[in-house]
Amino acid sequence: MTKRECAIVQAYTGFVMLAGKDVWYFLKYIQELISRPVWTHELINETVRRMVEERAKPDFIELCRTAVDDRAPTDAEREAAPWQK
């Protein structure tokens, strides 16, 4: 997962994915979303948080749709899948 993808997940879900110097990626992404500079203290504002979440949703959905698996499941894993029984 790239730092930008982490920023997308963080913006949409609110789960902290980036810390320390990497917070820059998150702030850059949300500034792109709302088309203006964002101060970190603004992120506790519910209105700003909802706006960021709403605008990040299409990127989050696209990220999920284009996700790739790093390996194919084994035949045993496929056979053991509980939803197939």
PDB file of N, CA and C in Angstrom:
ATOM      1  N   MET A   1       0.856  -1.162   0.000  1.00  0.00           N
ATOM      2  CA  MET A   1       0.000   0.000   0.000  1.00  0.00           C
ATOM      3  C   MET A   1       0.907   1.232   0.000  1.00  0.00           C
ATOM      4  N   THR A   2       0.563   2.186  -0.839  1.00  0.00           N
ATOM      5  CA  THR A   2       1.355   3.409  -0.914  1.00  0.00           C
ATOM      6  C   THR A   2       0.954   4.374   0.198  1.00  0.00           C
ATOM      7  N   LYS A   3       1.775   5.391   0.401  1.00  0.00           N
ATOM      8  CA  LYS A   3       1.455   6.403   1.411  1.00  0.00           C
ATOM      9  C   LYS A   3       0.180   7.151   1.014  1.00  0.00           C
ATOM     10  N   ARG A   4      -0.011   7.399  -0.273  1.00  0.00           N
ATOM     11  CA  ARG A   4      -1.241   8.064  -0.720  1.00  0.00           C
ATOM     12  C   ARG A   4      -2.450   7.183  -0.428  1.00  0.00           C
ATOM     13  N   GLU A   5      -2.332   5.895  -0.666  1.00  0.00           N
ATOM     14  CA  GLU A   5      -3.435   4.980  -0.366  1.00  0.00           C
ATOM     15  C   GLU A   5      -3.725   4.969   1.134  1.00  0.00           C
ATOM     16  N   CYS A   6      -2.681   5.031   1.948  1.00  0.00           N
ATOM     17  CA  CYS A   6      -2.886   5.135   3.403  1.00  0.00           C
ATOM     18  C   CYS A   6      -3.625   6.422   3.736  1.00  0.00           C
ATOM     19  N   ALA A   7      -3.276   7.511   3.063  1.00  0.00           N
ATOM     20  CA  ALA A   7      -3.945   8.798   3.286  1.00  0.00           C
ATOM     21  C   ALA A   7      -5.422   8.704   2.924  1.00  0.00           C
ATOM     22  N   ILE A   8      -5.739   8.007   1.852  1.00  0.00           N
ATOM     23  CA  ILE A   8      -7.134   7.827   1.439  1.00  0.00           C
ATOM     24  C   ILE A   8      -7.895   7.053   2.505  1.00  0.00           C
ATOM     25  N   VAL A   9      -7.336   5.961   2.970  1.00  0.00           N
ATOM     26  CA  VAL A   9      -7.986   5.152   4.008  1.00  0.00           C
ATOM     27  C   VAL A   9      -8.176   5.981   5.280  1.00  0.00           C
ATOM     28  N   GLN A  10      -7.154   6.718   5.659  1.00  0.00           N
ATOM     29  CA  GLN A  10      -7.240   7.534   6.861  1.00  0.00           C
ATOM     30  C   GLN A  10      -8.304   8.616   6.718  1.00  0.00           C
ATOM     31  N   ALA A  11      -8.359   9.255   5.564  1.00  0.00           N
ATOM     32  CA  ALA A  11      -9.344  10.318   5.353  1.00  0.00           C
ATOM     33  C   ALA A  11     -10.767   9.776   5.388  1.00  0.00           C
ATOM     34  N   TYR A  12     -10.984   8.602   4.837  1.00  0.00           N
ATOM     35  CA  TYR A  12     -12.336   8.060   4.771  1.00  0.00           C
ATOM     36  C   TYR A  12     -12.772   7.387   6.071  1.00  0.00           C
ATOM     37  N   THR A  13     -11.864   6.632   6.691  1.00  0.00           N
ATOM     38  CA  THR A  13     -12.254   5.853   7.868  1.00  0.00           C
ATOM     39  C   THR A  13     -11.977   6.547   9.192  1.00  0.00           C
ATOM     40  N   GLY A  14     -11.008   7.442   9.207  1.00  0.00           N
ATOM     41  CA  GLY A  14     -10.618   8.082  10.455  1.00  0.00           C
ATOM     42  C   GLY A  14      -9.572   7.297  11.229  1.00  0.00           C
ATOM     43  N   PHE A  15      -9.216   6.104  10.758  1.00  0.00           N
ATOM     44  CA  PHE A  15      -8.163   5.323  11.411  1.00  0.00           C
ATOM     45  C   PHE A  15      -6.809   5.900  11.030  1.00  0.00           C
ATOM     46  N   VAL A  16      -5.963   6.122  12.001  1.00  0.00           N
ATOM     47  CA  VAL A  16      -4.655   6.708  11.744  1.00  0.00           C
ATOM     48  C   VAL A  16      -3.762   5.679  11.058  1.00  0.00           C
ATOM     49  N   MET A  17      -3.393   6.000   9.851  1.00  0.00           N
ATOM     50  CA  MET A  17      -2.531   5.132   9.052  1.00  0.00           C
ATOM     51  C   MET A  17      -1.134   5.727   8.911  1.00  0.00           C
ATOM     52  N   LEU A  18      -1.026   7.020   9.090  1.00  0.00           N
ATOM     53  CA  LEU A  18       0.240   7.724   8.886  1.00  0.00           C
ATOM     54  C   LEU A  18       0.583   8.529  10.130  1.00  0.00           C
ATOM     55  N   ALA A  19       1.820   8.437  10.567  1.00  0.00           N
ATOM     56  CA  ALA A  19       2.249   9.170  11.754  1.00  0.00           C
ATOM     57  C   ALA A  19       3.626   9.776  11.506  1.00  0.00           C
ATOM     58  N   GLY A  20       4.024  10.653  12.394  1.00  0.00           N
ATOM     59  CA  GLY A  20       5.334  11.280  12.270  1.00  0.00           C
ATOM     60  C   GLY A  20       5.446  12.095  10.993  1.00  0.00           C
ATOM     61  N   LYS A  21       6.560  11.942  10.323  1.00  0.00           N
ATOM     62  CA  LYS A  21       6.791  12.690   9.082  1.00  0.00           C
ATOM     63  C   LYS A  21       5.817  12.294   7.971  1.00  0.00           C
ATOM     64  N   ASP A  22       5.250  11.111   8.059  1.00  0.00           N
ATOM     65  CA  ASP A  22       4.324  10.640   7.028  1.00  0.00           C
ATOM     66  C   ASP A  22       2.965  11.332   7.068  1.00  0.00           C
ATOM     67  N   VAL A  23       2.670  12.063   8.138  1.00  0.00           N
ATOM     68  CA  VAL A  23       1.408  12.803   8.220  1.00  0.00           C
ATOM     69  C   VAL A  23       1.301  13.788   7.059  1.00  0.00           C
ATOM     70  N   TRP A  24       2.433  14.195   6.538  1.00  0.00           N
ATOM     71  CA  TRP A  24       2.465  15.110   5.392  1.00  0.00           C
ATOM     72  C   TRP A  24       1.608  14.581   4.242  1.00  0.00           C
ATOM     73  N   TYR A  25       1.676  13.281   3.968  1.00  0.00           N
ATOM     74  CA  TYR A  25       0.901  12.689   2.874  1.00  0.00           C
ATOM     75  C   TYR A  25      -0.595  12.860   3.119  1.00  0.00           C
ATOM     76  N   PHE A  26      -1.011  12.670   4.352  1.00  0.00           N
ATOM     77  CA  PHE A  26      -2.419  12.827   4.707  1.00  0.00           C
ATOM     78  C   PHE A  26      -2.866  14.280   4.549  1.00  0.00           C
ATOM     79  N   LEU A  27      -2.081  15.202   5.086  1.00  0.00           N
ATOM     80  CA  LEU A  27      -2.449  16.615   4.980  1.00  0.00           C
ATOM     81  C   LEU A  27      -2.480  17.077   3.530  1.00  0.00           C
ATOM     82  N   LYS A  28      -1.525  16.631   2.743  1.00  0.00           N
ATOM     83  CA  LYS A  28      -1.505  16.983   1.318  1.00  0.00           C
ATOM     84  C   LYS A  28      -2.766  16.462   0.629  1.00  0.00           C
ATOM     85  N   TYR A  29      -3.145  15.229   0.914  1.00  0.00           N
ATOM     86  CA  TYR A  29      -4.332  14.635   0.294  1.00  0.00           C
ATOM     87  C   TYR A  29      -5.595  15.394   0.680  1.00  0.00           C
ATOM     88  N   ILE A  30      -5.778  15.685   1.951  1.00  0.00           N
ATOM     89  CA  ILE A  30      -7.023  16.359   2.333  1.00  0.00           C
ATOM     90  C   ILE A  30      -7.053  17.799   1.838  1.00  0.00           C
ATOM     91  N   GLN A  31      -5.889  18.408   1.689  1.00  0.00           N
ATOM     92  CA  GLN A  31      -5.866  19.745   1.091  1.00  0.00           C
ATOM     93  C   GLN A  31      -6.310  19.694  -0.366  1.00  0.00           C
ATOM     94  N   GLU A  32      -5.940  18.638  -1.068  1.00  0.00           N
ATOM     95  CA  GLU A  32      -6.420  18.441  -2.442  1.00  0.00           C
ATOM     96  C   GLU A  32      -7.938  18.263  -2.449  1.00  0.00           C
ATOM     97  N   LEU A  33      -8.449  17.520  -1.475  1.00  0.00           N
ATOM     98  CA  LEU A  33      -9.885  17.249  -1.426  1.00  0.00           C
ATOM     99  C   LEU A  33     -10.716  18.505  -1.209  1.00  0.00           C
ATOM    100  N   ILE A  34     -10.273  19.371  -0.314  1.00  0.00           N
ATOM    101  CA  ILE A  34     -11.111  20.524   0.010  1.00  0.00           C
ATOM    102  C   ILE A  34     -10.584  21.825  -0.596  1.00  0.00           C
ATOM    103  N   SER A  35      -9.558  21.713  -1.421  1.00  0.00           N
ATOM    104  CA  SER A  35      -9.047  22.837  -2.233  1.00  0.00           C
ATOM    105  C   SER A  35      -8.609  24.051  -1.417  1.00  0.00           C
ATOM    106  N   ARG A  36      -8.015  23.774  -0.275  1.00  0.00           N
ATOM    107  CA  ARG A  36      -7.447  24.865   0.517  1.00  0.00           C
ATOM    108  C   ARG A  36      -6.517  24.275   1.572  1.00  0.00           C
ATOM    109  N   PRO A  37      -5.629  25.098   2.113  1.00  0.00           N
ATOM    110  CA  PRO A  37      -4.774  24.603   3.187  1.00  0.00           C
ATOM    111  C   PRO A  37      -5.605  24.189   4.406  1.00  0.00           C
ATOM    112  N   VAL A  38      -5.141  23.174   5.108  1.00  0.00           N
ATOM    113  CA  VAL A  38      -5.844  22.664   6.279  1.00  0.00           C
ATOM    114  C   VAL A  38      -4.875  22.648   7.462  1.00  0.00           C
ATOM    115  N   TRP A  39      -5.320  23.217   8.568  1.00  0.00           N
ATOM    116  CA  TRP A  39      -4.538  23.175   9.799  1.00  0.00           C
ATOM    117  C   TRP A  39      -4.933  21.917  10.559  1.00  0.00           C
ATOM    118  N   THR A  40      -3.981  21.306  11.232  1.00  0.00           N
ATOM    119  CA  THR A  40      -4.271  20.046  11.926  1.00  0.00           C
ATOM    120  C   THR A  40      -5.380  20.193  12.960  1.00  0.00           C
ATOM    121  N   HIS A  41      -5.478  21.335  13.608  1.00  0.00           N
ATOM    122  CA  HIS A  41      -6.533  21.508  14.621  1.00  0.00           C
ATOM    123  C   HIS A  41      -7.931  21.517  13.999  1.00  0.00           C
ATOM    124  N   GLU A  42      -8.023  21.768  12.698  1.00  0.00           N
ATOM    125  CA  GLU A  42      -9.326  21.748  12.028  1.00  0.00           C
ATOM    126  C   GLU A  42      -9.899  20.343  11.934  1.00  0.00           C
ATOM    127  N   LEU A  43      -9.045  19.351  12.039  1.00  0.00           N
ATOM    128  CA  LEU A  43      -9.483  17.968  11.854  1.00  0.00           C
ATOM    129  C   LEU A  43     -10.353  17.463  12.988  1.00  0.00           C
ATOM    130  N   ILE A  44     -10.397  18.186  14.098  1.00  0.00           N
ATOM    131  CA  ILE A  44     -11.307  17.794  15.170  1.00  0.00           C
ATOM    132  C   ILE A  44     -12.695  18.399  14.974  1.00  0.00           C
ATOM    133  N   ASN A  45     -12.809  19.300  14.020  1.00  0.00           N
ATOM    134  CA  ASN A  45     -14.096  19.911  13.708  1.00  0.00           C
ATOM    135  C   ASN A  45     -14.941  18.889  12.945  1.00  0.00           C
ATOM    136  N   GLU A  46     -16.104  18.564  13.472  1.00  0.00           N
ATOM    137  CA  GLU A  46     -16.956  17.520  12.874  1.00  0.00           C
ATOM    138  C   GLU A  46     -17.359  17.864  11.444  1.00  0.00           C
ATOM    139  N   THR A  47     -17.623  19.125  11.165  1.00  0.00           N
ATOM    140  CA  THR A  47     -18.021  19.542   9.813  1.00  0.00           C
ATOM    141  C   THR A  47     -16.886  19.296   8.825  1.00  0.00           C
ATOM    142  N   VAL A  48     -15.676  19.662   9.204  1.00  0.00           N
ATOM    143  CA  VAL A  48     -14.515  19.445   8.332  1.00  0.00           C
ATOM    144  C   VAL A  48     -14.274  17.950   8.164  1.00  0.00           C
ATOM    145  N   ARG A  49     -14.357  17.199   9.265  1.00  0.00           N
ATOM    146  CA  ARG A  49     -14.130  15.755   9.189  1.00  0.00           C
ATOM    147  C   ARG A  49     -15.129  15.079   8.253  1.00  0.00           C
ATOM    148  N   ARG A  50     -16.390  15.469   8.356  1.00  0.00           N
ATOM    149  CA  ARG A  50     -17.418  14.886   7.467  1.00  0.00           C
ATOM    150  C   ARG A  50     -17.171  15.254   6.008  1.00  0.00           C
ATOM    151  N   MET A  51     -16.754  16.500   5.773  1.00  0.00           N
ATOM    152  CA  MET A  51     -16.462  16.934   4.412  1.00  0.00           C
ATOM    153  C   MET A  51     -15.318  16.115   3.824  1.00  0.00           C
ATOM    154  N   VAL A  52     -14.271  15.903   4.606  1.00  0.00           N
ATOM    155  CA  VAL A  52     -13.134  15.112   4.150  1.00  0.00           C
ATOM    156  C   VAL A  52     -13.578  13.683   3.858  1.00  0.00           C
ATOM    157  N   GLU A  53     -14.345  13.101   4.767  1.00  0.00           N
ATOM    158  CA  GLU A  53     -14.833  11.726   4.575  1.00  0.00           C
ATOM    159  C   GLU A  53     -15.685  11.610   3.306  1.00  0.00           C
ATOM    160  N   GLU A  54     -16.597  12.532   3.136  1.00  0.00           N
ATOM    161  CA  GLU A  54     -17.481  12.513   1.970  1.00  0.00           C
ATOM    162  C   GLU A  54     -16.704  12.630   0.663  1.00  0.00           C
ATOM    163  N   ARG A  55     -15.730  13.515   0.648  1.00  0.00           N
ATOM    164  CA  ARG A  55     -14.960  13.726  -0.580  1.00  0.00           C
ATOM    165  C   ARG A  55     -13.936  12.631  -0.827  1.00  0.00           C
ATOM    166  N   ALA A  56     -13.518  11.923   0.218  1.00  0.00           N
ATOM    167  CA  ALA A  56     -12.567  10.822   0.076  1.00  0.00           C
ATOM    168  C   ALA A  56     -13.255   9.517  -0.337  1.00  0.00           C
ATOM    169  N   LYS A  57     -14.567   9.451  -0.180  1.00  0.00           N
ATOM    170  CA  LYS A  57     -15.298   8.206  -0.445  1.00  0.00           C
ATOM    171  C   LYS A  57     -15.064   7.651  -1.848  1.00  0.00           C
ATOM    172  N   PRO A  58     -15.149   8.437  -2.913  1.00  0.00           N
ATOM    173  CA  PRO A  58     -14.909   7.860  -4.242  1.00  0.00           C
ATOM    174  C   PRO A  58     -13.500   7.269  -4.386  1.00  0.00           C
ATOM    175  N   ASP A  59     -12.498   7.935  -3.821  1.00  0.00           N
ATOM    176  CA  ASP A  59     -11.131   7.404  -3.880  1.00  0.00           C
ATOM    177  C   ASP A  59     -11.019   6.112  -3.080  1.00  0.00           C
ATOM    178  N   PHE A  60     -11.687   6.057  -1.929  1.00  0.00           N
ATOM    179  CA  PHE A  60     -11.662   4.853  -1.101  1.00  0.00           C
ATOM    180  C   PHE A  60     -12.314   3.684  -1.836  1.00  0.00           C
ATOM    181  N   ILE A  61     -13.453   3.930  -2.444  1.00  0.00           N
ATOM    182  CA  ILE A  61     -14.151   2.869  -3.180  1.00  0.00           C
ATOM    183  C   ILE A  61     -13.312   2.400  -4.364  1.00  0.00           C
ATOM    184  N   GLU A  62     -12.697   3.331  -5.070  1.00  0.00           N
ATOM    185  CA  GLU A  62     -11.832   2.962  -6.195  1.00  0.00           C
ATOM    186  C   GLU A  62     -10.641   2.146  -5.708  1.00  0.00           C
ATOM    187  N   LEU A  63     -10.089   2.516  -4.584  1.00  0.00           N
ATOM    188  CA  LEU A  63      -8.975   1.772  -4.002  1.00  0.00           C
ATOM    189  C   LEU A  63      -9.394   0.333  -3.701  1.00  0.00           C
ATOM    190  N   CYS A  64     -10.573   0.158  -3.147  1.00  0.00           N
ATOM    191  CA  CYS A  64     -11.077  -1.187  -2.846  1.00  0.00           C
ATOM    192  C   CYS A  64     -11.359  -1.980  -4.119  1.00  0.00           C
ATOM    193  N   ARG A  65     -11.922  -1.333  -5.110  1.00  0.00           N
ATOM    194  CA  ARG A  65     -12.259  -2.030  -6.374  1.00  0.00           C
ATOM    195  C   ARG A  65     -11.027  -2.486  -7.131  1.00  0.00           C
ATOM    196  N   THR A  66      -9.944  -1.731  -7.024  1.00  0.00           N
ATOM    197  CA  THR A  66      -8.748  -2.055  -7.799  1.00  0.00           C
ATOM    198  C   THR A  66      -7.699  -2.799  -6.986  1.00  0.00           C
ATOM    199  N   ALA A  67      -8.040  -3.181  -5.770  1.00  0.00           N
ATOM    200  CA  ALA A  67      -7.093  -3.911  -4.917  1.00  0.00           C
ATOM    201  C   ALA A  67      -6.744  -5.252  -5.565  1.00  0.00           C
ATOM    202  N   VAL A  68      -5.504  -5.636  -5.413  1.00  0.00           N
ATOM    203  CA  VAL A  68      -5.054  -6.917  -5.944  1.00  0.00           C
ATOM    204  C   VAL A  68      -4.569  -7.782  -4.798  1.00  0.00           C
ATOM    205  N   ASP A  69      -4.719  -9.078  -4.972  1.00  0.00           N
ATOM    206  CA  ASP A  69      -4.239 -10.023  -3.973  1.00  0.00           C
ATOM    207  C   ASP A  69      -2.802 -10.377  -4.329  1.00  0.00           C
ATOM    208  N   ASP A  70      -1.976 -10.498  -3.324  1.00  0.00           N
ATOM    209  CA  ASP A  70      -0.577 -10.814  -3.599  1.00  0.00           C
ATOM    210  C   ASP A  70      -0.345 -12.306  -3.840  1.00  0.00           C
ATOM    211  N   ARG A  71      -1.379 -13.101  -3.620  1.00  0.00           N
ATOM    212  CA  ARG A  71      -1.265 -14.531  -3.905  1.00  0.00           C
ATOM    213  C   ARG A  71      -2.652 -15.110  -4.143  1.00  0.00           C
ATOM    214  N   ALA A  72      -2.699 -16.163  -4.917  1.00  0.00           N
ATOM    215  CA  ALA A  72      -3.970 -16.837  -5.160  1.00  0.00           C
ATOM    216  C   ALA A  72      -4.226 -17.828  -4.024  1.00  0.00           C
ATOM    217  N   PRO A  73      -5.489 -18.022  -3.643  1.00  0.00           N
ATOM    218  CA  PRO A  73      -5.778 -19.003  -2.593  1.00  0.00           C
ATOM    219  C   PRO A  73      -5.472 -20.420  -3.075  1.00  0.00           C
ATOM    220  N   THR A  74      -5.083 -21.267  -2.137  1.00  0.00           N
ATOM    221  CA  THR A  74      -4.822 -22.668  -2.472  1.00  0.00           C
ATOM    222  C   THR A  74      -6.155 -23.387  -2.655  1.00  0.00           C
ATOM    223  N   ASP A  75      -6.110 -24.561  -3.265  1.00  0.00           N
ATOM    224  CA  ASP A  75      -7.325 -25.355  -3.442  1.00  0.00           C
ATOM    225  C   ASP A  75      -7.941 -25.695  -2.086  1.00  0.00           C
ATOM    226  N   ALA A  76      -7.095 -25.984  -1.099  1.00  0.00           N
ATOM    227  CA  ALA A  76      -7.592 -26.321   0.238  1.00  0.00           C
ATOM    228  C   ALA A  76      -8.314 -25.120   0.857  1.00  0.00           C
ATOM    229  N   GLU A  77      -7.790 -23.928   0.650  1.00  0.00           N
ATOM    230  CA  GLU A  77      -8.442 -22.729   1.174  1.00  0.00           C
ATOM    231  C   GLU A  77      -9.790 -22.498   0.488  1.00  0.00           C
ATOM    232  N   ARG A  78      -9.816 -22.737  -0.803  1.00  0.00           N
ATOM    233  CA  ARG A  78     -11.087 -22.569  -1.533  1.00  0.00           C
ATOM    234  C   ARG A  78     -12.136 -23.562  -1.042  1.00  0.00           C
ATOM    235  N   GLU A  79     -11.721 -24.805  -0.820  1.00  0.00           N
ATOM    236  CA  GLU A  79     -12.649 -25.841  -0.375  1.00  0.00           C
ATOM    237  C   GLU A  79     -13.129 -25.595   1.056  1.00  0.00           C
ATOM    238  N   ALA A  80     -12.292 -24.961   1.861  1.00  0.00           N
ATOM    239  CA  ALA A  80     -12.633 -24.729   3.257  1.00  0.00           C
ATOM    240  C   ALA A  80     -13.463 -23.463   3.479  1.00  0.00           C
ATOM    241  N   ALA A  81     -13.702 -22.729   2.418  1.00  0.00           N
ATOM    242  CA  ALA A  81     -14.441 -21.464   2.561  1.00  0.00           C
ATOM    243  C   ALA A  81     -15.829 -21.743   3.113  1.00  0.00           C
ATOM    244  N   PRO A  82     -16.162 -21.151   4.269  1.00  0.00           N
ATOM    245  CA  PRO A  82     -17.453 -21.448   4.930  1.00  0.00           C
ATOM    246  C   PRO A  82     -18.665 -21.028   4.105  1.00  0.00           C
ATOM    247  N   TRP A  83     -18.551 -20.047   3.270  1.00  0.00           N
ATOM    248  CA  TRP A  83     -19.704 -19.592   2.487  1.00  0.00           C
ATOM    249  C   TRP A  83     -20.007 -20.508   1.324  1.00  0.00           C
ATOM    250  N   GLN A  84     -19.130 -21.488   1.078  1.00  0.00           N
ATOM    251  CA  GLN A  84     -19.365 -22.417  -0.024  1.00  0.00           C
ATOM    252  C   GLN A  84     -19.968 -23.726   0.437  1.00  0.00           C
ATOM    253  N   LYS A  85     -20.266 -23.834   1.722  1.00  0.00           N
ATOM    254  CA  LYS A  85     -20.801 -25.092   2.252  1.00  0.00           C
ATOM    255  C   LYS A  85     -22.273 -25.043   2.358  1.00  0.00           C
TER     256      LYS A  85
END
